[in-house]
């Protein structure tokens, strides 16, 4: 099983949207199909705020990852946030997420990204192991805070 990444474009929407819906259902994220499409489709059309990548063959992807982009004075320039990462349950445990988490940050660094952030469930030891092996570290004294609009 390969964790090959393909930059998702509008032609991949019909493959990507069901994966996003599956992730949201698993994660307990309540969102309408309309709002989900409204959030994903601009990324597929090339807006500069982020990108979605299909994991595996584009005709039958086994997952996806979404990275959004920002700017950080603290980190010296462009930074990114892994917004969503999903691998189909039937192919988990094969190192796919680990491969993605090693490959994508290197590619993004080559494109000028200075730092990459992510949020991880404090009770998900498996995800924490994957991210730690990929070089991510908890920032002592910091917690992600959110204000929803």
C-alpha atoms as a PDB file:
ATOM      1  CA  UNK A   1       0.000   0.000   0.000  1.00  0.00           C
ATOM      2  CA  UNK A   2       1.438   3.356  -1.039  1.00  0.00           C
ATOM      3  CA  UNK A   3       1.034   6.703   0.628  1.00  0.00           C
ATOM      4  CA  UNK A   4       1.653   8.526  -2.650  1.00  0.00           C
ATOM      5  CA  UNK A   5       0.225  12.041  -2.498  1.00  0.00           C
ATOM      6  CA  UNK A   6      -1.664  13.791  -5.277  1.00  0.00           C
ATOM      7  CA  UNK A   7      -2.566  17.449  -5.030  1.00  0.00           C
ATOM      8  CA  UNK A   8      -6.356  17.404  -5.211  1.00  0.00           C
ATOM      9  CA  UNK A   9      -8.048  19.524  -7.857  1.00  0.00           C
ATOM     10  CA  UNK A  10     -11.691  20.102  -8.706  1.00  0.00           C
ATOM     11  CA  UNK A  11     -11.688  16.917 -10.786  1.00  0.00           C
ATOM     12  CA  UNK A  12     -11.068  14.968  -7.541  1.00  0.00           C
ATOM     13  CA  UNK A  13     -14.061  16.400  -5.637  1.00  0.00           C
ATOM     14  CA  UNK A  14     -16.258  13.330  -6.125  1.00  0.00           C
ATOM     15  CA  UNK A  15     -13.524  11.129  -4.593  1.00  0.00           C
ATOM     16  CA  UNK A  16     -12.520  13.532  -1.809  1.00  0.00           C
ATOM     17  CA  UNK A  17     -15.872  14.668  -0.424  1.00  0.00           C
ATOM     18  CA  UNK A  18     -16.995  11.163   0.687  1.00  0.00           C
ATOM     19  CA  UNK A  19     -13.649  10.724   2.498  1.00  0.00           C
ATOM     20  CA  UNK A  20     -14.145  14.031   4.295  1.00  0.00           C
ATOM     21  CA  UNK A  21     -17.689  13.000   5.243  1.00  0.00           C
ATOM     22  CA  UNK A  22     -16.372   9.672   6.577  1.00  0.00           C
ATOM     23  CA  UNK A  23     -13.744  11.441   8.677  1.00  0.00           C
ATOM     24  CA  UNK A  24     -16.294  13.906  10.037  1.00  0.00           C
ATOM     25  CA  UNK A  25     -18.676  11.086  10.953  1.00  0.00           C
ATOM     26  CA  UNK A  26     -15.888   9.205  12.738  1.00  0.00           C
ATOM     27  CA  UNK A  27     -14.655  12.331  14.536  1.00  0.00           C
ATOM     28  CA  UNK A  28     -18.135  13.505  15.536  1.00  0.00           C
ATOM     29  CA  UNK A  29     -17.894  16.685  13.452  1.00  0.00           C
ATOM     30  CA  UNK A  30     -21.423  17.814  12.655  1.00  0.00           C
ATOM     31  CA  UNK A  31     -21.472  19.601   9.339  1.00  0.00           C
ATOM     32  CA  UNK A  32     -23.889  19.662   6.419  1.00  0.00           C
ATOM     33  CA  UNK A  33     -22.758  18.346   3.056  1.00  0.00           C
ATOM     34  CA  UNK A  34     -23.236  21.869   1.687  1.00  0.00           C
ATOM     35  CA  UNK A  35     -20.943  23.457   4.290  1.00  0.00           C
ATOM     36  CA  UNK A  36     -18.387  20.673   3.862  1.00  0.00           C
ATOM     37  CA  UNK A  37     -18.282  21.270   0.108  1.00  0.00           C
ATOM     38  CA  UNK A  38     -18.117  25.040   0.681  1.00  0.00           C
ATOM     39  CA  UNK A  39     -15.007  24.500   2.830  1.00  0.00           C
ATOM     40  CA  UNK A  40     -13.223  21.994   0.574  1.00  0.00           C
ATOM     41  CA  UNK A  41     -13.986  23.088  -2.991  1.00  0.00           C
ATOM     42  CA  UNK A  42     -12.042  26.401  -2.901  1.00  0.00           C
ATOM     43  CA  UNK A  43      -8.936  24.425  -1.908  1.00  0.00           C
ATOM     44  CA  UNK A  44      -9.405  22.266  -4.990  1.00  0.00           C
ATOM     45  CA  UNK A  45      -9.726  25.362  -7.159  1.00  0.00           C
ATOM     46  CA  UNK A  46      -6.308  26.620  -6.035  1.00  0.00           C
ATOM     47  CA  UNK A  47      -6.946  29.311  -3.428  1.00  0.00           C
ATOM     48  CA  UNK A  48      -3.643  30.181  -1.715  1.00  0.00           C
ATOM     49  CA  UNK A  49      -4.926  29.474   1.806  1.00  0.00           C
ATOM     50  CA  UNK A  50      -4.356  25.738   1.729  1.00  0.00           C
ATOM     51  CA  UNK A  51      -4.258  22.493  -0.176  1.00  0.00           C
ATOM     52  CA  UNK A  52      -5.844  19.073  -0.056  1.00  0.00           C
ATOM     53  CA  UNK A  53      -3.920  15.953  -1.036  1.00  0.00           C
ATOM     54  CA  UNK A  54      -5.316  12.542  -1.872  1.00  0.00           C
ATOM     55  CA  UNK A  55      -3.451   9.624  -0.323  1.00  0.00           C
ATOM     56  CA  UNK A  56      -2.994   6.640  -2.606  1.00  0.00           C
ATOM     57  CA  UNK A  57      -4.130   6.327  -6.206  1.00  0.00           C
ATOM     58  CA  UNK A  58      -6.307   9.269  -7.299  1.00  0.00           C
ATOM     59  CA  UNK A  59      -8.895   6.967  -8.907  1.00  0.00           C
ATOM     60  CA  UNK A  60      -9.379   5.110  -5.587  1.00  0.00           C
ATOM     61  CA  UNK A  61      -7.835   7.175  -2.755  1.00  0.00           C
ATOM     62  CA  UNK A  62      -7.371   5.591   0.652  1.00  0.00           C
ATOM     63  CA  UNK A  63      -7.332   8.893   2.516  1.00  0.00           C
ATOM     64  CA  UNK A  64      -6.558  12.569   2.411  1.00  0.00           C
ATOM     65  CA  UNK A  65      -4.721  15.341   4.221  1.00  0.00           C
ATOM     66  CA  UNK A  66      -5.570  19.056   4.275  1.00  0.00           C
ATOM     67  CA  UNK A  67      -2.964  21.706   5.084  1.00  0.00           C
ATOM     68  CA  UNK A  68      -3.849  25.364   5.543  1.00  0.00           C
ATOM     69  CA  UNK A  69      -1.307  28.174   5.270  1.00  0.00           C
ATOM     70  CA  UNK A  70      -0.630  31.265   7.315  1.00  0.00           C
ATOM     71  CA  UNK A  71       2.203  33.583   8.260  1.00  0.00           C
ATOM     72  CA  UNK A  72       4.161  33.590  11.503  1.00  0.00           C
ATOM     73  CA  UNK A  73       6.608  36.213  12.675  1.00  0.00           C
ATOM     74  CA  UNK A  74       7.651  33.851  15.490  1.00  0.00           C
ATOM     75  CA  UNK A  75       8.536  31.046  13.054  1.00  0.00           C
ATOM     76  CA  UNK A  76      10.069  33.314  10.441  1.00  0.00           C
ATOM     77  CA  UNK A  77       7.547  33.268   7.625  1.00  0.00           C
ATOM     78  CA  UNK A  78       4.965  30.977   6.087  1.00  0.00           C
ATOM     79  CA  UNK A  79       3.608  28.289   8.371  1.00  0.00           C
ATOM     80  CA  UNK A  80       1.030  25.590   7.933  1.00  0.00           C
ATOM     81  CA  UNK A  81      -1.559  23.763   9.970  1.00  0.00           C
ATOM     82  CA  UNK A  82      -2.578  20.194   9.289  1.00  0.00           C
ATOM     83  CA  UNK A  83      -6.313  20.660   9.433  1.00  0.00           C
ATOM     84  CA  UNK A  84      -7.420  17.103   8.671  1.00  0.00           C
ATOM     85  CA  UNK A  85      -5.759  13.725   8.102  1.00  0.00           C
ATOM     86  CA  UNK A  86      -7.806  10.636   7.351  1.00  0.00           C
ATOM     87  CA  UNK A  87      -6.922   7.109   6.308  1.00  0.00           C
ATOM     88  CA  UNK A  88      -9.719   4.633   5.607  1.00  0.00           C
ATOM     89  CA  UNK A  89     -10.192   2.254   8.565  1.00  0.00           C
ATOM     90  CA  UNK A  90      -9.631  -0.832   6.410  1.00  0.00           C
ATOM     91  CA  UNK A  91      -6.048   0.155   5.579  1.00  0.00           C
ATOM     92  CA  UNK A  92      -4.949   1.631   8.893  1.00  0.00           C
ATOM     93  CA  UNK A  93      -2.007   0.132  10.754  1.00  0.00           C
ATOM     94  CA  UNK A  94       0.115  -0.230   7.609  1.00  0.00           C
ATOM     95  CA  UNK A  95       2.293   2.845   8.124  1.00  0.00           C
ATOM     96  CA  UNK A  96       0.405   5.014   5.638  1.00  0.00           C
ATOM     97  CA  UNK A  97      -0.195   7.940   7.997  1.00  0.00           C
ATOM     98  CA  UNK A  98       3.423   7.725   9.175  1.00  0.00           C
ATOM     99  CA  UNK A  99       4.680   7.869   5.597  1.00  0.00           C
ATOM    100  CA  UNK A 100       2.451  10.875   4.850  1.00  0.00           C
ATOM    101  CA  UNK A 101       3.645  12.644   8.001  1.00  0.00           C
ATOM    102  CA  UNK A 102       7.272  12.156   6.966  1.00  0.00           C
ATOM    103  CA  UNK A 103       6.881  12.959   3.266  1.00  0.00           C
ATOM    104  CA  UNK A 104       4.571  15.980   3.202  1.00  0.00           C
ATOM    105  CA  UNK A 105       6.469  18.175   5.707  1.00  0.00           C
ATOM    106  CA  UNK A 106       9.698  17.692   3.734  1.00  0.00           C
ATOM    107  CA  UNK A 107       7.958  18.720   0.528  1.00  0.00           C
ATOM    108  CA  UNK A 108       6.378  21.747   2.179  1.00  0.00           C
ATOM    109  CA  UNK A 109       9.705  22.816   3.691  1.00  0.00           C
ATOM    110  CA  UNK A 110      11.159  22.686   0.189  1.00  0.00           C
ATOM    111  CA  UNK A 111       8.422  25.114  -0.871  1.00  0.00           C
ATOM    112  CA  UNK A 112       9.379  27.614   1.850  1.00  0.00           C
ATOM    113  CA  UNK A 113       7.238  26.549   4.794  1.00  0.00           C
ATOM    114  CA  UNK A 114       9.004  27.416   8.061  1.00  0.00           C
ATOM    115  CA  UNK A 115       6.835  25.476  10.530  1.00  0.00           C
ATOM    116  CA  UNK A 116       3.994  22.986  10.444  1.00  0.00           C
ATOM    117  CA  UNK A 117       1.490  22.651  13.274  1.00  0.00           C
ATOM    118  CA  UNK A 118      -1.238  20.185  14.127  1.00  0.00           C
ATOM    119  CA  UNK A 119      -3.771  19.423  16.809  1.00  0.00           C
ATOM    120  CA  UNK A 120      -3.850  15.989  18.419  1.00  0.00           C
ATOM    121  CA  UNK A 121      -6.342  14.440  20.804  1.00  0.00           C
ATOM    122  CA  UNK A 122      -4.724  14.231  24.252  1.00  0.00           C
ATOM    123  CA  UNK A 123      -6.123  10.694  24.605  1.00  0.00           C
ATOM    124  CA  UNK A 124      -4.999   9.365  21.204  1.00  0.00           C
ATOM    125  CA  UNK A 125      -1.646   7.750  21.980  1.00  0.00           C
ATOM    126  CA  UNK A 126      -1.422   6.156  18.527  1.00  0.00           C
ATOM    127  CA  UNK A 127      -1.706   9.482  16.716  1.00  0.00           C
ATOM    128  CA  UNK A 128       0.756  11.058  19.149  1.00  0.00           C
ATOM    129  CA  UNK A 129       3.300   8.308  18.349  1.00  0.00           C
ATOM    130  CA  UNK A 130       2.904   8.889  14.603  1.00  0.00           C
ATOM    131  CA  UNK A 131       3.376  12.643  14.973  1.00  0.00           C
ATOM    132  CA  UNK A 132       6.310  12.307  17.370  1.00  0.00           C
ATOM    133  CA  UNK A 133       8.101   9.922  14.978  1.00  0.00           C
ATOM    134  CA  UNK A 134       7.570  12.524  12.252  1.00  0.00           C
ATOM    135  CA  UNK A 135       9.334  15.185  14.352  1.00  0.00           C
ATOM    136  CA  UNK A 136       6.386  17.023  15.887  1.00  0.00           C
ATOM    137  CA  UNK A 137       6.741  18.101  19.515  1.00  0.00           C
ATOM    138  CA  UNK A 138       4.365  19.437  22.130  1.00  0.00           C
ATOM    139  CA  UNK A 139       5.066  23.075  22.897  1.00  0.00           C
ATOM    140  CA  UNK A 140       5.522  23.371  26.643  1.00  0.00           C
ATOM    141  CA  UNK A 141       3.153  25.867  28.164  1.00  0.00           C
ATOM    142  CA  UNK A 142       1.028  26.267  25.015  1.00  0.00           C
ATOM    143  CA  UNK A 143      -2.481  25.072  24.263  1.00  0.00           C
ATOM    144  CA  UNK A 144      -4.471  25.580  21.108  1.00  0.00           C
ATOM    145  CA  UNK A 145      -7.439  27.857  21.772  1.00  0.00           C
ATOM    146  CA  UNK A 146     -10.326  28.446  19.394  1.00  0.00           C
ATOM    147  CA  UNK A 147     -13.044  31.033  19.003  1.00  0.00           C
ATOM    148  CA  UNK A 148     -15.751  29.786  16.663  1.00  0.00           C
ATOM    149  CA  UNK A 149     -17.814  32.242  14.598  1.00  0.00           C
END
